[in-house]
Amino acid sequence: MNIGLSRDIKFIPEMEAIESVPSFRNLYFEIVVSQKYLEDISISEIIDLCEFTSDVNIIGIRLSSNILYDLDLVEKSLYILDELKAKFLVVPFFTNSKYQVKDMDKIFELTANYDKTICIETLSSKFFLPIKYITEMIDKYTKSVFGIAYNMYYNRMNKNMFNEIGENIEYIKILYFMNFYKENKLNILDNMGEINIFRLIRYLHRYKFRYFLILDYPDITIYNLINDIEKIMEFLFSIKEK
């Protein structure tokens, strides 16, 4: 298991400053971008992005909109991932979206050629594709090309959330953690939270989860998260040592 942090694209300049924090050398990062950003970014801007992030571990790009209906945009995303030496493209899939996947076979072929993985983010099952249908789609292809990005905050009303995570652990490449109490989003280690991240790490370790637990705080400056992240990294190290 690895710990990562979700970062909005506007916080990319922070990347240069975190090299001085020793525990962050083993921290992974996901970059959150909009569809418009992907559409507009130029080759020179992609080069600049790669330079900004050259000394940190980037695992992927995350979008809040489904781009799988647009093969050109999917390929552009995969190209950017390749330049960043990253692996995952995270997208949601709206059940009632007017834009549906036109050709999953072509997306599979494109993604496999780039040696990347597309992760479908599990959000509210009321508006997004339920996990059952995502796993069925993955089984039709392969777990190396398609996977699940499980969002714990948006599944907080699911009383069987931990069982669902355990049952689908082989499909989950990214697990998003945001501390919360009811609908209120809290700091990572706030004692009011409904999920204790240290217990979560123990739970995932027991299931031999080997991918990424992402701290889902993309819009908070990293300087407000440093102390919590250092404690989490130290705890994970101690778990791995046992």
Protein backbone atom coordinates (compact mmCIF):
# COMPACT_ATOMS: atom_id res chain seq x y z
CA MET A 1 0.00 0.00 0.00
CA ASN A 2 1.13 3.53 -0.80
CA ILE A 3 -0.11 6.89 0.49
CA GLY A 4 -0.91 9.66 -1.95
CA LEU A 5 -2.36 13.15 -2.01
CA SER A 6 -4.85 14.62 -4.46
CA ARG A 7 -3.74 18.02 -5.80
CA ASP A 8 -5.68 20.51 -7.89
CA ILE A 9 -3.65 21.68 -10.88
CA LYS A 10 -3.42 25.19 -9.38
CA PHE A 11 -1.29 23.81 -6.53
CA ILE A 12 1.36 22.32 -8.82
CA PRO A 13 3.92 25.06 -7.91
CA GLU A 14 3.89 23.61 -4.36
CA MET A 15 5.62 20.54 -5.71
CA GLU A 16 9.02 22.23 -5.76
CA ALA A 17 8.72 23.23 -2.10
CA ILE A 18 7.93 19.81 -0.62
CA GLU A 19 11.29 18.25 -1.43
CA SER A 20 12.56 19.56 1.91
CA VAL A 21 10.09 17.35 3.84
CA PRO A 22 11.84 13.94 4.20
CA SER A 23 8.67 11.87 4.70
CA PHE A 24 7.21 13.25 1.47
CA ARG A 25 9.81 11.49 -0.62
CA ASN A 26 7.63 8.38 -0.43
CA LEU A 27 4.37 10.27 -0.96
CA TYR A 28 2.53 9.98 -4.27
CA PHE A 29 0.49 12.66 -6.01
CA GLU A 30 -2.57 12.76 -8.21
CA ILE A 31 -3.31 15.84 -10.32
CA VAL A 32 -6.93 17.01 -10.57
CA VAL A 33 -7.79 18.78 -13.84
CA SER A 34 -10.92 19.91 -15.65
CA GLN A 35 -12.01 18.71 -19.07
CA LYS A 36 -11.43 22.23 -20.41
CA TYR A 37 -7.87 22.15 -19.10
CA LEU A 38 -7.25 18.92 -21.00
CA GLU A 39 -8.80 20.33 -24.14
CA ASP A 40 -6.76 23.56 -24.00
CA ILE A 41 -3.34 22.43 -22.79
CA SER A 42 -0.60 22.82 -25.39
CA ILE A 43 2.56 20.79 -25.98
CA SER A 44 4.70 23.51 -24.37
CA GLU A 45 2.41 23.56 -21.32
CA ILE A 46 2.69 19.78 -21.04
CA ILE A 47 6.48 20.18 -21.01
CA ASP A 48 6.20 22.84 -18.29
CA LEU A 49 3.95 20.54 -16.24
CA CYS A 50 6.50 17.74 -16.51
CA GLU A 51 9.29 20.06 -15.36
CA PHE A 52 7.29 21.24 -12.34
CA THR A 53 6.63 17.64 -11.28
CA SER A 54 9.90 16.00 -12.30
CA ASP A 55 11.09 15.45 -8.71
CA VAL A 56 7.86 14.05 -7.24
CA ASN A 57 5.93 10.82 -7.71
CA ILE A 58 2.91 11.46 -9.95
CA ILE A 59 0.55 8.50 -10.23
CA GLY A 60 -2.23 9.93 -12.36
CA ILE A 61 -4.73 12.50 -13.54
CA ARG A 62 -8.28 12.80 -12.19
CA LEU A 63 -11.28 14.41 -13.88
CA SER A 64 -14.72 15.35 -12.58
CA SER A 65 -16.32 14.65 -15.97
CA ASN A 66 -16.53 11.57 -18.15
CA ILE A 67 -14.35 11.97 -21.25
CA LEU A 68 -14.62 8.38 -22.44
CA TYR A 69 -17.02 9.37 -25.23
CA ASP A 70 -14.21 11.41 -26.84
CA LEU A 71 -11.43 9.15 -28.14
CA ASP A 72 -9.19 12.10 -29.08
CA LEU A 73 -9.39 13.49 -25.56
CA VAL A 74 -8.76 10.05 -24.06
CA GLU A 75 -5.64 9.69 -26.19
CA LYS A 76 -4.45 13.18 -25.25
CA SER A 77 -4.90 12.27 -21.58
CA LEU A 78 -2.94 9.05 -22.05
CA TYR A 79 -0.18 10.98 -23.82
CA ILE A 80 0.07 13.42 -20.88
CA LEU A 81 0.21 10.49 -18.45
CA ASP A 82 3.02 9.02 -20.50
CA GLU A 83 4.98 12.28 -20.41
CA LEU A 84 4.45 12.50 -16.64
CA LYS A 85 5.51 8.86 -16.25
CA ALA A 86 2.18 8.32 -14.48
CA LYS A 87 -0.18 5.34 -14.64
CA PHE A 88 -3.82 6.17 -13.87
CA LEU A 89 -6.58 8.18 -15.56
CA VAL A 90 -9.52 8.59 -13.16
CA VAL A 91 -12.97 9.44 -14.54
CA PRO A 92 -16.54 9.24 -13.22
CA PHE A 93 -19.30 7.60 -15.23
CA PHE A 94 -22.73 9.19 -14.98
CA THR A 95 -25.57 6.71 -15.45
CA ASN A 96 -27.77 9.38 -17.02
CA SER A 97 -25.06 11.11 -19.03
CA LYS A 98 -25.91 12.06 -22.59
CA TYR A 99 -22.29 11.26 -23.37
CA GLN A 100 -21.76 7.54 -23.14
CA VAL A 101 -18.81 5.44 -24.20
CA LYS A 102 -18.90 4.99 -27.95
CA ASP A 103 -16.37 2.22 -28.30
CA MET A 104 -14.93 0.60 -25.20
CA ASP A 105 -12.91 -1.80 -27.34
CA LYS A 106 -11.01 1.13 -28.88
CA ILE A 107 -10.49 2.71 -25.47
CA PHE A 108 -9.16 -0.62 -24.22
CA GLU A 109 -6.76 -0.86 -27.17
CA LEU A 110 -5.56 2.74 -26.76
CA THR A 111 -5.01 2.38 -23.03
CA ALA A 112 -3.25 -0.96 -23.37
CA ASN A 113 -0.93 0.48 -26.05
CA TYR A 114 0.09 3.25 -23.65
CA ASP A 115 0.39 0.73 -20.80
CA LYS A 116 -1.95 2.82 -18.61
CA THR A 117 -5.02 2.11 -16.47
CA ILE A 118 -8.38 3.88 -16.59
CA CYS A 119 -10.10 3.92 -13.19
CA ILE A 120 -13.83 4.53 -12.92
CA GLU A 121 -14.52 6.58 -9.80
CA THR A 122 -17.35 5.21 -7.66
CA LEU A 123 -19.53 8.07 -6.48
CA SER A 124 -23.21 8.09 -5.52
CA SER A 125 -24.87 5.02 -7.05
CA LYS A 126 -27.96 7.18 -7.61
CA PHE A 127 -26.27 9.16 -10.37
CA PHE A 128 -23.15 7.16 -11.18
CA LEU A 129 -22.44 3.67 -12.40
CA PRO A 130 -22.77 1.17 -9.48
CA ILE A 131 -19.68 -0.83 -8.57
CA LYS A 132 -21.30 -4.10 -9.71
CA TYR A 133 -21.44 -2.89 -13.32
CA ILE A 134 -17.90 -1.56 -13.19
CA THR A 135 -16.51 -4.91 -12.05
CA GLU A 136 -18.50 -6.68 -14.79
CA MET A 137 -16.93 -4.35 -17.36
CA ILE A 138 -13.44 -4.94 -15.95
CA ASP A 139 -13.95 -8.71 -16.04
CA LYS A 140 -14.81 -8.42 -19.74
CA TYR A 141 -11.37 -6.89 -20.37
CA THR A 142 -8.52 -6.99 -17.83
CA LYS A 143 -7.64 -5.48 -14.44
CA SER A 144 -4.41 -4.05 -15.84
CA VAL A 145 -6.31 -1.69 -18.18
CA PHE A 146 -9.45 -0.89 -16.18
CA GLY A 147 -9.89 -0.49 -12.44
CA ILE A 148 -11.89 1.21 -9.71
CA ALA A 149 -11.19 4.46 -7.86
CA TYR A 150 -13.35 4.05 -4.75
CA ASN A 151 -14.49 7.30 -3.13
CA MET A 152 -15.26 6.75 0.57
CA TYR A 153 -16.85 10.16 1.14
CA TYR A 154 -19.43 9.70 -1.61
CA ASN A 155 -20.16 6.19 -0.38
CA ARG A 156 -20.51 7.28 3.26
CA MET A 157 -24.24 6.40 3.35
CA ASN A 158 -23.43 2.81 2.41
CA LYS A 159 -23.58 0.85 5.69
CA ASN A 160 -21.68 -1.98 4.01
CA MET A 161 -18.90 0.26 2.67
CA PHE A 162 -16.04 -1.64 4.31
CA ASN A 163 -17.43 -4.98 3.17
CA GLU A 164 -17.81 -3.58 -0.34
CA ILE A 165 -14.18 -2.43 -0.31
CA GLY A 166 -13.01 -5.82 0.95
CA GLU A 167 -15.07 -7.75 -1.58
CA ASN A 168 -13.76 -5.65 -4.48
CA ILE A 169 -10.20 -5.07 -3.28
CA GLU A 170 -8.73 -6.81 -6.33
CA TYR A 171 -10.38 -4.23 -8.61
CA ILE A 172 -9.56 -1.13 -6.55
CA LYS A 173 -6.44 0.72 -7.70
CA ILE A 174 -7.19 3.97 -5.83
CA LEU A 175 -9.07 4.45 -2.58
CA TYR A 176 -10.02 8.05 -1.78
CA PHE A 177 -10.12 9.03 1.89
CA MET A 178 -11.63 12.23 3.22
CA ASN A 179 -12.46 12.49 6.90
CA PHE A 180 -16.07 13.43 7.60
CA TYR A 181 -18.83 13.66 10.16
CA LYS A 182 -22.22 13.18 8.52
CA GLU A 183 -21.96 15.53 5.51
CA ASN A 184 -19.25 17.75 6.99
CA LYS A 185 -15.73 17.35 5.62
CA LEU A 186 -13.08 17.38 8.33
CA ASN A 187 -9.30 17.55 8.67
CA ILE A 188 -7.54 14.22 8.12
CA LEU A 189 -6.98 13.38 11.80
CA ASP A 190 -9.97 15.18 13.33
CA ASN A 191 -11.28 13.00 16.18
CA MET A 192 -14.87 13.86 15.24
CA GLY A 193 -14.50 11.92 12.03
CA GLU A 194 -16.50 8.78 11.36
CA ILE A 195 -13.55 6.87 9.93
CA ASN A 196 -10.21 6.56 11.71
CA ILE A 197 -7.53 6.51 9.03
CA PHE A 198 -5.15 4.41 11.14
CA ARG A 199 -7.81 1.69 11.48
CA LEU A 200 -8.45 2.00 7.75
CA ILE A 201 -4.76 1.45 7.00
CA ARG A 202 -4.74 -1.64 9.24
CA TYR A 203 -7.84 -2.93 7.45
CA LEU A 204 -6.29 -2.44 4.00
CA HIS A 205 -3.02 -3.98 5.16
CA ARG A 206 -4.92 -7.06 6.31
CA TYR A 207 -6.41 -7.36 2.82
CA LYS A 208 -2.93 -6.90 1.31
CA PHE A 209 -4.05 -3.81 -0.60
CA ARG A 210 -1.05 -2.91 -2.76
CA TYR A 211 -2.14 0.20 -4.62
CA PHE A 212 -2.91 3.76 -3.49
CA LEU A 213 -4.74 5.27 -0.53
CA ILE A 214 -5.24 8.87 -1.67
CA LEU A 215 -5.91 11.66 0.83
CA ASP A 216 -8.66 13.52 -0.98
CA TYR A 217 -7.89 17.14 -0.13
CA PRO A 218 -7.16 18.67 -3.57
CA ASP A 219 -8.09 22.26 -2.67
CA ILE A 220 -6.20 22.61 0.62
CA THR A 221 -2.63 23.88 0.53
CA ILE A 222 -0.17 21.18 1.43
CA TYR A 223 1.33 23.31 4.20
CA ASN A 224 -1.88 22.77 6.21
CA LEU A 225 -1.61 19.01 5.77
CA ILE A 226 2.08 18.36 6.48
CA ASN A 227 1.79 17.34 10.15
CA ASP A 228 -1.09 14.90 9.55
CA ILE A 229 0.60 13.37 6.52
CA GLU A 230 3.87 12.85 8.41
CA LYS A 231 2.02 10.94 11.17
CA ILE A 232 0.24 8.79 8.58
CA MET A 233 3.47 8.01 6.72
CA GLU A 234 5.19 7.05 9.99
CA PHE A 235 2.28 4.76 10.90
CA LEU A 236 2.29 3.07 7.49
CA PHE A 237 6.04 2.50 7.79
CA SER A 238 5.59 0.89 11.20
CA ILE A 239 2.84 -1.39 9.83
CA LYS A 240 5.02 -2.50 6.93
CA GLU A 241 7.92 -3.23 9.25
CA LYS A 242 5.91 -5.76 11.28
